[in-house]
Amino acid sequence: MKNLVLITSVIITVFALQACNSNSNKVIAPTGLTPEVVHHIHPDDVDDYVEEYKAQQAEVELQIDGVIYEVSFVGMSEEDNLIYAQYDKGFLAFGFNFEEDEPNDFITVIESELEDINEALEDQTNYFFGKDISLAQDDNDNVIYSGSISHPVKGDFSIKLTINQSLIEGGTSTVEVSGTKAMINGDLGTKTYVQITDLINNHPEVDTLVLQEISGSINDEINMHTGRLVRNAQLTTMVEATSDINSGGVDLYAAGFKRIYTEGAKLGVHSWCCEEGKPANELGRDHKGHGAQLTYFREMLGAELGPDFYFFTIEAAPHDTVHVMTKAELDKYLLQ
């Protein structure tokens, strides 16, 4: 089994850009001389967006033999058409056809006390295999997997898994407070926006957000608003010598009121994909698809440096690879 963190970092590009290609709400600046302001989610609509996410999250659950468990997203494998999640007693893998964009009738539960899913997947003696799994969709756009799971020694158990788009859209981020710093890890998403909101409201002593291991953003629509939270709270963003942040993680780092770079940290950037069948670096600089990111980076880095940095990122590497920024590039764009 490939490392799920690496798998997720590749798939993130697809999901982040599906977000970028959704219908945009635009705010036109008052004069023709000022660049157009573009938002995928209008700032006035962010609260409603987050409340809808929370409502959807409340409906995501796993039932095994009538016992209800919370479920959190772990990763995806487009090659295997699987989504991985975690629950109180281990992990589960369930089917999703990424090419057809629809679920398929497969589910396996891995009962394990291990925290690392890759290690848990290696021990197939803990597998409960799905039997007679059926699929349904309710009025709230939840997808429901139901049937039973079977273990050769422990027997058969009924299973019901209810999911919706919030499971993946939320991301996998964790935020841990230590003194005046908060450490953030994982894939960024709507959950991250909620976490940073809670951090700002409940931990006024925190003045620095330390970005440690971030492979990217599941949901760029909300990630840009998470960056605005960071900037408005005047938080410092920091990377340590061991930090490895990419894509949307670099976008969040750029939001720092002050940015602290520690030598050795890796900041990776690349193009996104796709609009009109083309990756961002092939759209042409005047294409409307750049609008929301240009708006964001003008806010974070200034009217000239912001667009320069954005076009640097999408031209530095194709969407399926990553360019690790050099110290000279960091000095030019992010460390002024």
Protein backbone atom coordinates (compact mmCIF):
# COMPACT_ATOMS: atom_id res chain seq x y z
CA MET A 1 0.00 0.00 0.00
CA LYS A 2 1.34 3.39 -0.95
CA ASN A 3 1.72 6.06 1.69
CA LEU A 4 -1.74 7.63 2.01
CA VAL A 5 -0.30 11.06 2.68
CA LEU A 6 1.36 10.96 -0.73
CA ILE A 7 -1.77 9.60 -2.35
CA THR A 8 -3.84 12.37 -0.82
CA SER A 9 -1.43 15.08 -1.92
CA VAL A 10 -1.98 14.05 -5.53
CA ILE A 11 -5.75 13.75 -5.28
CA ILE A 12 -5.97 17.10 -3.49
CA THR A 13 -5.08 18.82 -6.74
CA VAL A 14 -8.20 17.37 -8.35
CA PHE A 15 -10.55 18.27 -5.50
CA ALA A 16 -9.06 21.72 -4.94
CA LEU A 17 -9.62 22.62 -8.53
CA GLN A 18 -13.09 21.23 -8.69
CA ALA A 19 -13.69 23.83 -5.99
CA CYS A 20 -11.98 26.50 -8.06
CA ASN A 21 -14.21 25.68 -11.02
CA SER A 22 -17.50 26.06 -9.16
CA ASN A 23 -19.81 28.99 -9.76
CA SER A 24 -18.13 32.15 -8.47
CA ASN A 25 -19.64 35.10 -6.69
CA LYS A 26 -17.93 38.24 -7.91
CA VAL A 27 -17.66 41.69 -6.41
CA ILE A 28 -16.75 44.28 -9.01
CA ALA A 29 -14.45 47.06 -7.86
CA PRO A 30 -15.84 50.60 -8.22
CA THR A 31 -13.48 51.79 -10.95
CA GLY A 32 -12.15 50.25 -14.11
CA LEU A 33 -8.61 51.03 -12.96
CA THR A 34 -8.80 48.71 -9.96
CA PRO A 35 -8.46 44.95 -10.50
CA GLU A 36 -11.65 42.95 -10.30
CA VAL A 37 -12.33 41.32 -6.92
CA VAL A 38 -13.40 37.68 -7.27
CA HIS A 39 -14.50 35.17 -4.63
CA HIS A 40 -15.62 31.58 -5.03
CA ILE A 41 -17.49 32.03 -1.76
CA HIS A 42 -18.54 35.63 -1.15
CA PRO A 43 -17.28 36.84 2.26
CA ASP A 44 -20.87 37.56 3.30
CA ASP A 45 -21.76 33.91 2.63
CA VAL A 46 -18.91 32.24 4.52
CA ASP A 47 -20.82 31.87 7.81
CA ASP A 48 -23.73 30.16 6.05
CA TYR A 49 -21.29 27.96 4.13
CA VAL A 50 -19.64 26.82 7.37
CA GLU A 51 -22.96 26.22 9.11
CA GLU A 52 -24.08 24.07 6.20
CA TYR A 53 -20.82 22.12 6.48
CA LYS A 54 -21.42 21.57 10.21
CA ALA A 55 -24.97 20.40 9.53
CA GLN A 56 -23.72 17.93 6.96
CA GLN A 57 -20.95 16.74 9.28
CA ALA A 58 -23.54 15.95 11.95
CA GLU A 59 -25.12 13.40 9.59
CA VAL A 60 -21.89 11.51 8.85
CA GLU A 61 -21.72 8.36 10.95
CA LEU A 62 -20.86 4.67 11.05
CA GLN A 63 -23.11 2.07 12.66
CA ILE A 64 -21.77 -1.41 13.40
CA ASP A 65 -24.21 -3.81 15.02
CA GLY A 66 -26.31 -0.81 16.11
CA VAL A 67 -23.42 1.03 17.79
CA ILE A 68 -22.81 4.53 16.38
CA TYR A 69 -19.28 5.81 15.75
CA GLU A 70 -17.94 9.13 14.53
CA VAL A 71 -16.05 9.02 11.22
CA SER A 72 -13.18 11.20 10.03
CA PHE A 73 -11.52 11.38 6.64
CA VAL A 74 -8.01 9.91 6.22
CA GLY A 75 -7.19 9.74 2.52
CA MET A 76 -8.08 8.49 -0.95
CA SER A 77 -6.70 6.23 -3.63
CA GLU A 78 -7.96 7.10 -7.08
CA GLU A 79 -6.13 4.09 -8.48
CA ASP A 80 -7.99 1.69 -6.19
CA ASN A 81 -11.27 3.67 -6.19
CA LEU A 82 -11.24 3.82 -2.41
CA ILE A 83 -11.81 6.42 0.28
CA TYR A 84 -10.24 5.78 3.69
CA ALA A 85 -11.67 6.94 7.00
CA GLN A 86 -11.07 6.44 10.72
CA TYR A 87 -13.48 5.53 13.47
CA ASP A 88 -13.14 4.82 17.21
CA LYS A 89 -11.93 1.25 16.80
CA GLY A 90 -9.83 1.50 13.65
CA PHE A 91 -10.27 2.35 10.00
CA LEU A 92 -12.54 1.64 7.07
CA ALA A 93 -12.21 1.66 3.30
CA PHE A 94 -15.24 2.19 1.09
CA GLY A 95 -15.69 2.28 -2.66
CA PHE A 96 -15.94 5.37 -4.82
CA ASN A 97 -15.53 5.44 -8.59
CA PHE A 98 -13.56 8.64 -9.17
CA GLU A 99 -13.86 8.46 -12.93
CA GLU A 100 -17.66 8.23 -12.81
CA ASP A 101 -17.90 10.41 -9.69
CA GLU A 102 -20.19 7.97 -7.90
CA PRO A 103 -19.99 5.51 -4.98
CA ASN A 104 -19.68 1.78 -5.48
CA ASP A 105 -20.86 -1.06 -3.25
CA PHE A 106 -17.68 -1.96 -1.41
CA ILE A 107 -16.74 -1.58 2.23
CA THR A 108 -14.12 -3.11 4.51
CA VAL A 109 -13.54 -2.36 8.20
CA ILE A 110 -10.09 -2.71 9.75
CA GLU A 111 -10.29 -3.08 13.51
CA SER A 112 -7.01 -1.85 14.98
CA GLU A 113 -5.52 0.10 17.88
CA LEU A 114 -2.76 1.41 15.62
CA GLU A 115 -2.79 5.14 14.84
CA ASP A 116 -1.06 4.75 11.46
CA ILE A 117 -3.42 3.48 8.78
CA ASN A 118 -0.57 2.11 6.68
CA GLU A 119 0.48 -0.14 9.54
CA ALA A 120 -3.11 -1.15 10.24
CA LEU A 121 -3.70 -2.12 6.61
CA GLU A 122 -0.77 -4.55 6.70
CA ASP A 123 -2.51 -6.86 9.17
CA GLN A 124 -5.34 -8.50 7.24
CA THR A 125 -6.30 -10.65 10.22
CA ASN A 126 -8.16 -7.57 11.45
CA TYR A 127 -10.23 -7.16 8.27
CA PHE A 128 -14.03 -7.34 8.33
CA PHE A 129 -15.14 -7.73 4.72
CA GLY A 130 -18.40 -6.28 3.44
CA LYS A 131 -21.21 -8.62 2.33
CA ASP A 132 -24.27 -7.74 0.26
CA ILE A 133 -23.55 -4.02 0.45
CA SER A 134 -26.29 -1.84 -1.01
CA LEU A 135 -26.29 1.86 -1.80
CA ALA A 136 -28.98 4.49 -1.30
CA GLN A 137 -29.30 8.26 -1.28
CA ASP A 138 -31.61 10.19 1.03
CA ASP A 139 -33.30 13.57 0.68
CA ASN A 140 -30.31 15.34 2.27
CA ASP A 141 -27.89 14.10 -0.40
CA ASN A 142 -26.34 11.58 1.98
CA VAL A 143 -24.99 8.38 0.47
CA ILE A 144 -25.77 5.33 2.61
CA TYR A 145 -23.82 2.07 2.46
CA SER A 146 -25.64 -0.77 4.25
CA GLY A 147 -25.31 -4.50 4.61
CA SER A 148 -23.04 -6.58 6.79
CA ILE A 149 -19.36 -7.19 7.48
CA SER A 150 -17.81 -10.57 8.16
CA HIS A 151 -14.73 -11.77 10.03
CA PRO A 152 -13.66 -15.44 9.81
CA VAL A 153 -13.40 -15.75 13.62
CA LYS A 154 -15.55 -12.96 15.10
CA GLY A 155 -18.53 -13.51 12.83
CA ASP A 156 -20.97 -11.23 11.01
CA PHE A 157 -22.23 -7.78 11.99
CA SER A 158 -24.66 -5.34 10.44
CA ILE A 159 -23.17 -2.13 9.07
CA LYS A 160 -24.50 1.22 7.92
CA LEU A 161 -22.26 4.07 6.78
CA THR A 162 -23.73 7.50 6.05
CA ILE A 163 -21.51 10.00 4.25
CA ASN A 164 -21.76 13.23 2.28
CA GLN A 165 -19.36 15.69 0.70
CA SER A 166 -18.45 17.22 4.07
CA LEU A 167 -16.44 14.11 4.97
CA ILE A 168 -13.79 14.95 2.36
CA GLU A 169 -14.35 18.70 2.13
CA GLY A 170 -13.41 19.09 5.79
CA GLY A 171 -9.85 17.87 5.29
CA THR A 172 -7.70 16.17 7.93
CA SER A 173 -6.13 19.11 9.73
CA THR A 174 -5.27 19.16 13.42
CA VAL A 175 -4.45 22.27 15.48
CA GLU A 176 -2.59 21.85 18.76
CA VAL A 177 -1.94 24.76 21.12
CA SER A 178 1.30 25.03 23.09
CA GLY A 179 1.84 28.30 24.89
CA THR A 180 1.69 31.17 22.42
CA LYS A 181 1.97 28.88 19.41
CA ALA A 182 -0.47 26.62 17.59
CA MET A 183 0.84 23.76 15.45
CA ILE A 184 -1.15 22.81 12.36
CA ASN A 185 -0.81 19.59 10.38
CA GLY A 186 -2.79 17.68 7.77
CA ASP A 187 -4.80 18.52 4.67
CA LEU A 188 -6.58 21.87 4.85
CA GLY A 189 -10.32 22.18 4.37
CA THR A 190 -13.50 23.52 5.93
CA LYS A 191 -12.58 21.86 9.21
CA THR A 192 -9.46 24.04 9.23
CA TYR A 193 -11.55 27.20 8.93
CA VAL A 194 -13.58 26.06 11.95
CA GLN A 195 -10.40 25.20 13.87
CA ILE A 196 -8.74 28.56 13.18
CA THR A 197 -11.94 30.38 14.11
CA ASP A 198 -12.03 28.50 17.42
CA LEU A 199 -8.32 29.17 17.94
CA ILE A 200 -8.74 32.92 17.51
CA ASN A 201 -11.85 33.07 19.70
CA ASN A 202 -10.70 30.79 22.50
CA HIS A 203 -6.93 31.22 22.65
CA PRO A 204 -6.07 34.93 22.60
CA GLU A 205 -2.63 34.07 23.95
CA VAL A 206 -1.67 32.43 20.63
CA ASP A 207 0.15 34.77 18.29
CA THR A 208 1.95 32.29 16.02
CA LEU A 209 0.67 29.55 13.73
CA VAL A 210 3.36 26.93 13.10
CA LEU A 211 2.82 25.04 9.83
CA GLN A 212 4.45 21.63 10.10
CA GLU A 213 3.28 18.91 7.68
CA ILE A 214 0.69 20.06 5.14
CA SER A 215 0.34 18.32 1.78
CA GLY A 216 -2.19 20.81 0.44
CA SER A 217 -5.81 21.93 0.51
CA ILE A 218 -8.87 19.80 -0.12
CA ASN A 219 -11.00 22.90 -0.53
CA ASP A 220 -9.36 26.03 -1.93
CA GLU A 221 -12.66 27.90 -1.82
CA ILE A 222 -12.62 28.05 1.97
CA ASN A 223 -8.83 27.89 2.39
CA MET A 224 -8.50 31.44 1.08
CA HIS A 225 -10.96 32.60 3.71
CA THR A 226 -8.98 30.70 6.35
CA GLY A 227 -6.00 32.78 5.24
CA ARG A 228 -8.06 35.92 5.72
CA LEU A 229 -8.84 34.82 9.29
CA VAL A 230 -5.11 34.50 9.95
CA ARG A 231 -4.35 37.91 8.47
CA ASN A 232 -7.20 39.70 10.22
CA ALA A 233 -6.10 38.24 13.56
CA GLN A 234 -2.55 39.46 12.81
CA LEU A 235 -1.12 36.00 13.47
CA THR A 236 2.46 35.24 12.60
CA THR A 237 2.94 32.19 10.39
CA MET A 238 6.07 30.12 10.94
CA VAL A 239 7.78 27.11 9.40
CA GLU A 240 10.34 25.07 11.31
CA ALA A 241 13.44 23.35 9.93
CA THR A 242 11.45 20.12 9.62
CA SER A 243 8.32 21.70 8.13
CA ASP A 244 7.10 20.41 4.76
CA ILE A 245 4.15 22.40 3.42
CA ASN A 246 2.74 22.41 -0.08
CA SER A 247 0.16 24.09 -2.32
CA GLY A 248 -2.66 25.40 -0.11
CA GLY A 249 -0.31 25.18 2.88
CA VAL A 250 1.94 27.77 1.23
CA ASP A 251 -1.14 29.90 0.54
CA LEU A 252 -1.89 29.82 4.27
CA TYR A 253 1.72 30.64 5.16
CA ALA A 254 1.48 33.71 2.90
CA ALA A 255 -1.41 34.97 5.06
CA GLY A 256 0.82 35.63 8.07
CA PHE A 257 0.89 39.22 9.30
CA LYS A 258 4.55 38.34 9.81
CA ARG A 259 6.22 35.27 8.32
CA ILE A 260 9.10 33.39 9.94
CA TYR A 261 11.12 30.94 7.87
CA THR A 262 13.55 28.47 9.47
CA GLU A 263 16.30 27.18 7.21
CA GLY A 264 15.56 23.65 6.06
CA ALA A 265 11.80 24.07 5.78
CA LYS A 266 10.30 22.94 2.46
CA LEU A 267 7.64 25.02 0.74
CA GLY A 268 6.23 23.39 -2.39
CA VAL A 269 4.18 25.07 -5.13
CA HIS A 270 2.62 23.99 -8.41
CA SER A 271 -0.11 24.69 -10.94
CA TRP A 272 -3.69 23.70 -10.34
CA CYS A 273 -5.91 21.71 -12.69
CA CYS A 274 -8.16 22.30 -14.49
CA GLU A 275 -10.52 24.75 -16.15
CA GLU A 276 -11.90 24.21 -19.63
CA GLY A 277 -9.77 21.09 -19.73
CA LYS A 278 -6.54 23.01 -19.18
CA PRO A 279 -4.25 23.36 -16.17
CA ALA A 280 -3.84 26.88 -14.80
CA ASN A 281 -0.43 27.45 -16.38
CA GLU A 282 -1.94 26.90 -19.86
CA LEU A 283 -4.93 29.22 -19.50
CA GLY A 284 -3.14 32.46 -20.26
CA ARG A 285 -2.59 35.16 -17.68
CA ASP A 286 -5.75 37.07 -18.61
CA HIS A 287 -8.08 34.11 -18.05
CA LYS A 288 -10.92 34.68 -15.58
CA GLY A 289 -10.07 31.40 -13.83
CA HIS A 290 -7.20 33.13 -12.02
CA GLY A 291 -9.50 35.72 -10.44
CA ALA A 292 -10.03 34.38 -6.93
CA GLN A 293 -6.36 33.52 -6.36
CA LEU A 294 -5.24 36.88 -7.71
CA THR A 295 -7.65 38.60 -5.33
CA TYR A 296 -6.28 36.58 -2.43
CA PHE A 297 -2.61 37.14 -3.15
CA ARG A 298 -3.10 40.86 -3.74
CA GLU A 299 -4.55 41.00 -0.24
CA MET A 300 -1.71 39.00 1.30
CA LEU A 301 1.35 40.18 -0.63
CA GLY A 302 0.37 43.45 -2.27
CA ALA A 303 -0.90 44.70 -5.63
CA GLU A 304 2.30 43.87 -7.52
CA LEU A 305 4.03 41.11 -5.58
CA GLY A 306 0.81 39.12 -5.06
CA PRO A 307 0.08 38.48 -8.75
CA ASP A 308 3.80 37.94 -9.41
CA PHE A 309 3.89 35.23 -6.75
CA TYR A 310 0.68 33.57 -7.93
CA PHE A 311 1.88 33.28 -11.53
CA PHE A 312 5.25 32.06 -10.27
CA THR A 313 3.51 29.22 -8.39
CA ILE A 314 1.45 27.97 -11.32
CA GLU A 315 4.40 28.20 -13.72
CA ALA A 316 6.95 26.62 -11.35
CA ALA A 317 5.66 23.04 -11.75
CA PRO A 318 2.81 21.10 -13.42
CA HIS A 319 -0.23 20.28 -11.32
CA ASP A 320 0.89 16.69 -10.69
CA THR A 321 4.35 17.57 -9.36
CA VAL A 322 5.76 20.05 -6.84
CA HIS A 323 8.50 22.66 -7.02
CA VAL A 324 10.25 23.26 -3.69
CA MET A 325 11.00 26.96 -3.45
CA THR A 326 14.63 28.03 -3.25
CA LYS A 327 15.86 30.47 -0.61
CA ALA A 328 16.18 33.13 -3.32
CA GLU A 329 12.54 32.58 -4.31
CA LEU A 330 11.43 32.71 -0.68
CA ASP A 331 13.34 35.94 -0.18
CA LYS A 332 11.75 37.45 -3.28
CA TYR A 333 8.14 36.53 -2.59
CA LEU A 334 7.42 35.53 0.99
CA LEU A 335 10.14 36.84 3.30
CA GLN A 336 10.10 40.55 2.58
